[in-house]
Amino acid sequence: PGLSKAKLADPFDPFVSFAQDGLNISLSMCRSIMERHNGKVSVANTRAEKIENKGTTVTLYFPE
């Protein structure tokens, strides 16, 4: 359904849950691994208008 604007503010916070149970460790770990390899991760709502409940895109940028 996409992230709310509040959760989109810091999607890598390991103590904010996107699921009904559990923590957001996966995005936090993903960012940590990517940064150790000189990569980057971005998270944005799929629609340009930033409409909630329309999906979220997570993009991984790998170094060349």
PDB file of N, CA and C in Angstrom:
ATOM      1  N   PRO A   1       0.799  -1.220   0.000  1.00  0.00           N
ATOM      2  CA  PRO A   1       0.000   0.000   0.000  1.00  0.00           C
ATOM      3  C   PRO A   1       0.835   1.275   0.000  1.00  0.00           C
ATOM      4  N   GLY A   2       2.134   1.193   0.197  1.00  0.00           N
ATOM      5  CA  GLY A   2       2.967   2.390   0.262  1.00  0.00           C
ATOM      6  C   GLY A   2       3.163   2.849   1.690  1.00  0.00           C
ATOM      7  N   LEU A   3       4.126   3.731   1.866  1.00  0.00           N
ATOM      8  CA  LEU A   3       4.445   4.247   3.194  1.00  0.00           C
ATOM      9  C   LEU A   3       3.676   5.523   3.474  1.00  0.00           C
ATOM     10  N   SER A   4       3.332   5.707   4.731  1.00  0.00           N
ATOM     11  CA  SER A   4       2.721   6.977   5.118  1.00  0.00           C
ATOM     12  C   SER A   4       3.797   8.055   5.056  1.00  0.00           C
ATOM     13  N   LYS A   5       3.398   9.298   5.005  1.00  0.00           N
ATOM     14  CA  LYS A   5       4.362  10.390   4.955  1.00  0.00           C
ATOM     15  C   LYS A   5       5.248  10.388   6.192  1.00  0.00           C
ATOM     16  N   ALA A   6       4.712  10.017   7.335  1.00  0.00           N
ATOM     17  CA  ALA A   6       5.496   9.973   8.572  1.00  0.00           C
ATOM     18  C   ALA A   6       6.590   8.908   8.486  1.00  0.00           C
ATOM     19  N   LYS A   7       6.269   7.746   7.981  1.00  0.00           N
ATOM     20  CA  LYS A   7       7.267   6.679   7.875  1.00  0.00           C
ATOM     21  C   LYS A   7       8.232   6.931   6.732  1.00  0.00           C
ATOM     22  N   LEU A   8       7.808   7.636   5.719  1.00  0.00           N
ATOM     23  CA  LEU A   8       8.682   7.952   4.597  1.00  0.00           C
ATOM     24  C   LEU A   8       9.754   8.958   5.011  1.00  0.00           C
ATOM     25  N   ALA A   9       9.517   9.703   6.090  1.00  0.00           N
ATOM     26  CA  ALA A   9      10.488  10.695   6.564  1.00  0.00           C
ATOM     27  C   ALA A   9      11.813  10.036   6.933  1.00  0.00           C
ATOM     28  N   ASP A  10      11.794   8.853   7.559  1.00  0.00           N
ATOM     29  CA  ASP A  10      13.017   8.119   7.878  1.00  0.00           C
ATOM     30  C   ASP A  10      12.743   6.625   7.754  1.00  0.00           C
ATOM     31  N   PRO A  11      12.730   6.121   6.530  1.00  0.00           N
ATOM     32  CA  PRO A  11      12.375   4.710   6.315  1.00  0.00           C
ATOM     33  C   PRO A  11      13.437   3.730   6.809  1.00  0.00           C
ATOM     34  N   PHE A  12      14.630   4.227   7.156  1.00  0.00           N
ATOM     35  CA  PHE A  12      15.713   3.348   7.590  1.00  0.00           C
ATOM     36  C   PHE A  12      15.812   3.238   9.104  1.00  0.00           C
ATOM     37  N   ASP A  13      14.941   3.905   9.840  1.00  0.00           N
ATOM     38  CA  ASP A  13      14.938   3.817  11.295  1.00  0.00           C
ATOM     39  C   ASP A  13      14.576   2.388  11.688  1.00  0.00           C
ATOM     40  N   PRO A  14      15.484   1.665  12.364  1.00  0.00           N
ATOM     41  CA  PRO A  14      15.204   0.262  12.685  1.00  0.00           C
ATOM     42  C   PRO A  14      14.100   0.072  13.713  1.00  0.00           C
ATOM     43  N   PHE A  15      13.684   1.139  14.368  1.00  0.00           N
ATOM     44  CA  PHE A  15      12.671   1.008  15.411  1.00  0.00           C
ATOM     45  C   PHE A  15      11.288   1.444  14.940  1.00  0.00           C
ATOM     46  N   VAL A  16      11.136   1.700  13.657  1.00  0.00           N
ATOM     47  CA  VAL A  16       9.833   2.013  13.081  1.00  0.00           C
ATOM     48  C   VAL A  16       9.394   0.799  12.281  1.00  0.00           C
ATOM     49  N   SER A  17       8.214   0.317  12.544  1.00  0.00           N
ATOM     50  CA  SER A  17       7.728  -0.889  11.881  1.00  0.00           C
ATOM     51  C   SER A  17       6.815  -0.535  10.724  1.00  0.00           C
ATOM     52  N   PHE A  18       7.006  -1.209   9.597  1.00  0.00           N
ATOM     53  CA  PHE A  18       6.116  -1.057   8.451  1.00  0.00           C
ATOM     54  C   PHE A  18       5.075  -2.168   8.450  1.00  0.00           C
ATOM     55  N   ALA A  19       5.343  -3.207   9.202  1.00  0.00           N
ATOM     56  CA  ALA A  19       4.412  -4.329   9.303  1.00  0.00           C
ATOM     57  C   ALA A  19       3.599  -4.173  10.584  1.00  0.00           C
ATOM     58  N   GLN A  20       2.631  -5.027  10.746  1.00  0.00           N
ATOM     59  CA  GLN A  20       1.826  -4.961  11.966  1.00  0.00           C
ATOM     60  C   GLN A  20       2.600  -5.469  13.166  1.00  0.00           C
ATOM     61  N   ASP A  21       3.575  -6.328  12.927  1.00  0.00           N
ATOM     62  CA  ASP A  21       4.439  -6.778  14.007  1.00  0.00           C
ATOM     63  C   ASP A  21       5.866  -6.811  13.496  1.00  0.00           C
ATOM     64  N   GLY A  22       6.809  -6.636  14.380  1.00  0.00           N
ATOM     65  CA  GLY A  22       8.206  -6.660  13.995  1.00  0.00           C
ATOM     66  C   GLY A  22       8.785  -5.271  13.821  1.00  0.00           C
ATOM     67  N   LEU A  23      10.084  -5.244  13.531  1.00  0.00           N
ATOM     68  CA  LEU A  23      10.802  -3.990  13.348  1.00  0.00           C
ATOM     69  C   LEU A  23      11.291  -3.880  11.916  1.00  0.00           C
ATOM     70  N   ASN A  24      11.722  -2.687  11.559  1.00  0.00           N
ATOM     71  CA  ASN A  24      12.184  -2.404  10.211  1.00  0.00           C
ATOM     72  C   ASN A  24      13.679  -2.673  10.074  1.00  0.00           C
ATOM     73  N   ILE A  25      14.129  -3.810  10.523  1.00  0.00           N
ATOM     74  CA  ILE A  25      15.552  -4.118  10.480  1.00  0.00           C
ATOM     75  C   ILE A  25      16.027  -4.324   9.039  1.00  0.00           C
ATOM     76  N   SER A  26      15.176  -4.830   8.167  1.00  0.00           N
ATOM     77  CA  SER A  26      15.614  -5.178   6.812  1.00  0.00           C
ATOM     78  C   SER A  26      16.111  -3.966   6.024  1.00  0.00           C
ATOM     79  N   LEU A  27      15.395  -2.837   6.025  1.00  0.00           N
ATOM     80  CA  LEU A  27      15.877  -1.666   5.293  1.00  0.00           C
ATOM     81  C   LEU A  27      17.107  -1.067   5.945  1.00  0.00           C
ATOM     82  N   SER A  28      17.163  -1.094   7.251  1.00  0.00           N
ATOM     83  CA  SER A  28      18.327  -0.587   7.963  1.00  0.00           C
ATOM     84  C   SER A  28      19.567  -1.420   7.624  1.00  0.00           C
ATOM     85  N   MET A  29      19.414  -2.736   7.619  1.00  0.00           N
ATOM     86  CA  MET A  29      20.530  -3.619   7.278  1.00  0.00           C
ATOM     87  C   MET A  29      20.914  -3.459   5.814  1.00  0.00           C
ATOM     88  N   CYS A  30      19.934  -3.334   4.945  1.00  0.00           N
ATOM     89  CA  CYS A  30      20.196  -3.161   3.515  1.00  0.00           C
ATOM     90  C   CYS A  30      21.036  -1.910   3.281  1.00  0.00           C
ATOM     91  N   ARG A  31      20.655  -0.803   3.913  1.00  0.00           N
ATOM     92  CA  ARG A  31      21.409   0.437   3.744  1.00  0.00           C
ATOM     93  C   ARG A  31      22.829   0.276   4.263  1.00  0.00           C
ATOM     94  N   SER A  32      22.993  -0.374   5.402  1.00  0.00           N
ATOM     95  CA  SER A  32      24.318  -0.589   5.974  1.00  0.00           C
ATOM     96  C   SER A  32      25.213  -1.395   5.036  1.00  0.00           C
ATOM     97  N   ILE A  33      24.670  -2.458   4.482  1.00  0.00           N
ATOM     98  CA  ILE A  33      25.437  -3.294   3.549  1.00  0.00           C
ATOM     99  C   ILE A  33      25.783  -2.520   2.290  1.00  0.00           C
ATOM    100  N   MET A  34      24.812  -1.799   1.736  1.00  0.00           N
ATOM    101  CA  MET A  34      25.073  -1.030   0.513  1.00  0.00           C
ATOM    102  C   MET A  34      26.147   0.028   0.746  1.00  0.00           C
ATOM    103  N   GLU A  35      26.082   0.736   1.876  1.00  0.00           N
ATOM    104  CA  GLU A  35      27.067   1.785   2.152  1.00  0.00           C
ATOM    105  C   GLU A  35      28.464   1.211   2.340  1.00  0.00           C
ATOM    106  N   ARG A  36      28.569   0.014   2.915  1.00  0.00           N
ATOM    107  CA  ARG A  36      29.884  -0.623   3.064  1.00  0.00           C
ATOM    108  C   ARG A  36      30.498  -0.977   1.717  1.00  0.00           C
ATOM    109  N   HIS A  37      29.664  -1.083   0.692  1.00  0.00           N
ATOM    110  CA  HIS A  37      30.135  -1.395  -0.650  1.00  0.00           C
ATOM    111  C   HIS A  37      30.033  -0.180  -1.574  1.00  0.00           C
ATOM    112  N   ASN A  38      29.980   1.007  -0.973  1.00  0.00           N
ATOM    113  CA  ASN A  38      29.907   2.277  -1.697  1.00  0.00           C
ATOM    114  C   ASN A  38      28.648   2.411  -2.553  1.00  0.00           C
ATOM    115  N   GLY A  39      27.596   1.758  -2.163  1.00  0.00           N
ATOM    116  CA  GLY A  39      26.313   1.881  -2.845  1.00  0.00           C
ATOM    117  C   GLY A  39      25.372   2.763  -2.040  1.00  0.00           C
ATOM    118  N   LYS A  40      24.168   2.938  -2.562  1.00  0.00           N
ATOM    119  CA  LYS A  40      23.160   3.760  -1.893  1.00  0.00           C
ATOM    120  C   LYS A  40      21.792   3.106  -2.031  1.00  0.00           C
ATOM    121  N   VAL A  41      20.887   3.498  -1.145  1.00  0.00           N
ATOM    122  CA  VAL A  41      19.500   3.019  -1.180  1.00  0.00           C
ATOM    123  C   VAL A  41      18.593   4.233  -1.074  1.00  0.00           C
ATOM    124  N   SER A  42      17.572   4.279  -1.907  1.00  0.00           N
ATOM    125  CA  SER A  42      16.582   5.349  -1.773  1.00  0.00           C
ATOM    126  C   SER A  42      15.203   4.713  -1.669  1.00  0.00           C
ATOM    127  N   VAL A  43      14.330   5.396  -0.939  1.00  0.00           N
ATOM    128  CA  VAL A  43      12.959   4.922  -0.742  1.00  0.00           C
ATOM    129  C   VAL A  43      12.033   6.092  -1.034  1.00  0.00           C
ATOM    130  N   ALA A  44      11.053   5.860  -1.890  1.00  0.00           N
ATOM    131  CA  ALA A  44      10.109   6.924  -2.242  1.00  0.00           C
ATOM    132  C   ALA A  44       8.762   6.318  -2.572  1.00  0.00           C
ATOM    133  N   ASN A  45       7.725   7.084  -2.358  1.00  0.00           N
ATOM    134  CA  ASN A  45       6.410   6.638  -2.811  1.00  0.00           C
ATOM    135  C   ASN A  45       6.452   6.534  -4.328  1.00  0.00           C
ATOM    136  N   THR A  46       5.768   5.545  -4.858  1.00  0.00           N
ATOM    137  CA  THR A  46       5.818   5.249  -6.281  1.00  0.00           C
ATOM    138  C   THR A  46       5.286   6.388  -7.138  1.00  0.00           C
ATOM    139  N   ARG A  47       4.233   7.038  -6.695  1.00  0.00           N
ATOM    140  CA  ARG A  47       3.619   8.096  -7.486  1.00  0.00           C
ATOM    141  C   ARG A  47       4.288   9.426  -7.209  1.00  0.00           C
ATOM    142  N   ALA A  48       4.472  10.205  -8.224  1.00  0.00           N
ATOM    143  CA  ALA A  48       5.121  11.513  -8.089  1.00  0.00           C
ATOM    144  C   ALA A  48       4.359  12.436  -7.156  1.00  0.00           C
ATOM    145  N   GLU A  49       3.058  12.256  -7.081  1.00  0.00           N
ATOM    146  CA  GLU A  49       2.239  13.132  -6.229  1.00  0.00           C
ATOM    147  C   GLU A  49       2.358  12.772  -4.763  1.00  0.00           C
ATOM    148  N   LYS A  50       3.096  11.718  -4.442  1.00  0.00           N
ATOM    149  CA  LYS A  50       3.277  11.247  -3.072  1.00  0.00           C
ATOM    150  C   LYS A  50       1.952  10.867  -2.414  1.00  0.00           C
ATOM    151  N   ILE A  51       1.087  10.261  -3.185  1.00  0.00           N
ATOM    152  CA  ILE A  51      -0.197   9.815  -2.665  1.00  0.00           C
ATOM    153  C   ILE A  51       0.021   8.541  -1.857  1.00  0.00           C
ATOM    154  N   GLU A  52      -0.503   8.521  -0.643  1.00  0.00           N
ATOM    155  CA  GLU A  52      -0.374   7.332   0.180  1.00  0.00           C
ATOM    156  C   GLU A  52      -1.203   6.190  -0.397  1.00  0.00           C
ATOM    157  N   ASN A  53      -0.845   4.980  -0.021  1.00  0.00           N
ATOM    158  CA  ASN A  53      -1.556   3.753  -0.411  1.00  0.00           C
ATOM    159  C   ASN A  53      -1.460   3.442  -1.899  1.00  0.00           C
ATOM    160  N   LYS A  54      -0.422   3.906  -2.565  1.00  0.00           N
ATOM    161  CA  LYS A  54      -0.250   3.597  -3.984  1.00  0.00           C
ATOM    162  C   LYS A  54       1.041   2.832  -4.236  1.00  0.00           C
ATOM    163  N   GLY A  55       1.774   2.484  -3.206  1.00  0.00           N
ATOM    164  CA  GLY A  55       2.991   1.712  -3.372  1.00  0.00           C
ATOM    165  C   GLY A  55       4.240   2.521  -3.091  1.00  0.00           C
ATOM    166  N   THR A  56       5.310   1.817  -2.813  1.00  0.00           N
ATOM    167  CA  THR A  56       6.596   2.434  -2.509  1.00  0.00           C
ATOM    168  C   THR A  56       7.656   1.750  -3.355  1.00  0.00           C
ATOM    169  N   THR A  57       8.616   2.530  -3.815  1.00  0.00           N
ATOM    170  CA  THR A  57       9.725   1.998  -4.592  1.00  0.00           C
ATOM    171  C   THR A  57      11.000   2.106  -3.777  1.00  0.00           C
ATOM    172  N   VAL A  58      11.720   0.998  -3.662  1.00  0.00           N
ATOM    173  CA  VAL A  58      13.040   0.983  -3.027  1.00  0.00           C
ATOM    174  C   VAL A  58      14.044   0.759  -4.143  1.00  0.00           C
ATOM    175  N   THR A  59      14.983   1.702  -4.302  1.00  0.00           N
ATOM    176  CA  THR A  59      15.966   1.620  -5.383  1.00  0.00           C
ATOM    177  C   THR A  59      17.346   1.423  -4.803  1.00  0.00           C
ATOM    178  N   LEU A  60      18.078   0.437  -5.340  1.00  0.00           N
ATOM    179  CA  LEU A  60      19.449   0.177  -4.928  1.00  0.00           C
ATOM    180  C   LEU A  60      20.386   0.701  -6.003  1.00  0.00           C
ATOM    181  N   TYR A  61      21.341   1.508  -5.597  1.00  0.00           N
ATOM    182  CA  TYR A  61      22.338   2.058  -6.526  1.00  0.00           C
ATOM    183  C   TYR A  61      23.675   1.361  -6.253  1.00  0.00           C
ATOM    184  N   PHE A  62      24.114   0.565  -7.207  1.00  0.00           N
ATOM    185  CA  PHE A  62      25.374  -0.144  -7.083  1.00  0.00           C
ATOM    186  C   PHE A  62      26.484   0.639  -7.752  1.00  0.00           C
ATOM    187  N   PRO A  63      27.684   0.688  -7.145  1.00  0.00           N
ATOM    188  CA  PRO A  63      28.780   1.409  -7.790  1.00  0.00           C
ATOM    189  C   PRO A  63      29.248   0.663  -9.037  1.00  0.00           C
ATOM    190  N   GLU A  64      29.809   1.413  -9.952  1.00  0.00           N
ATOM    191  CA  GLU A  64      30.295   0.788 -11.194  1.00  0.00           C
ATOM    192  C   GLU A  64      31.638   0.150 -10.986  1.00  0.00           C
TER     193      GLU A  64
END
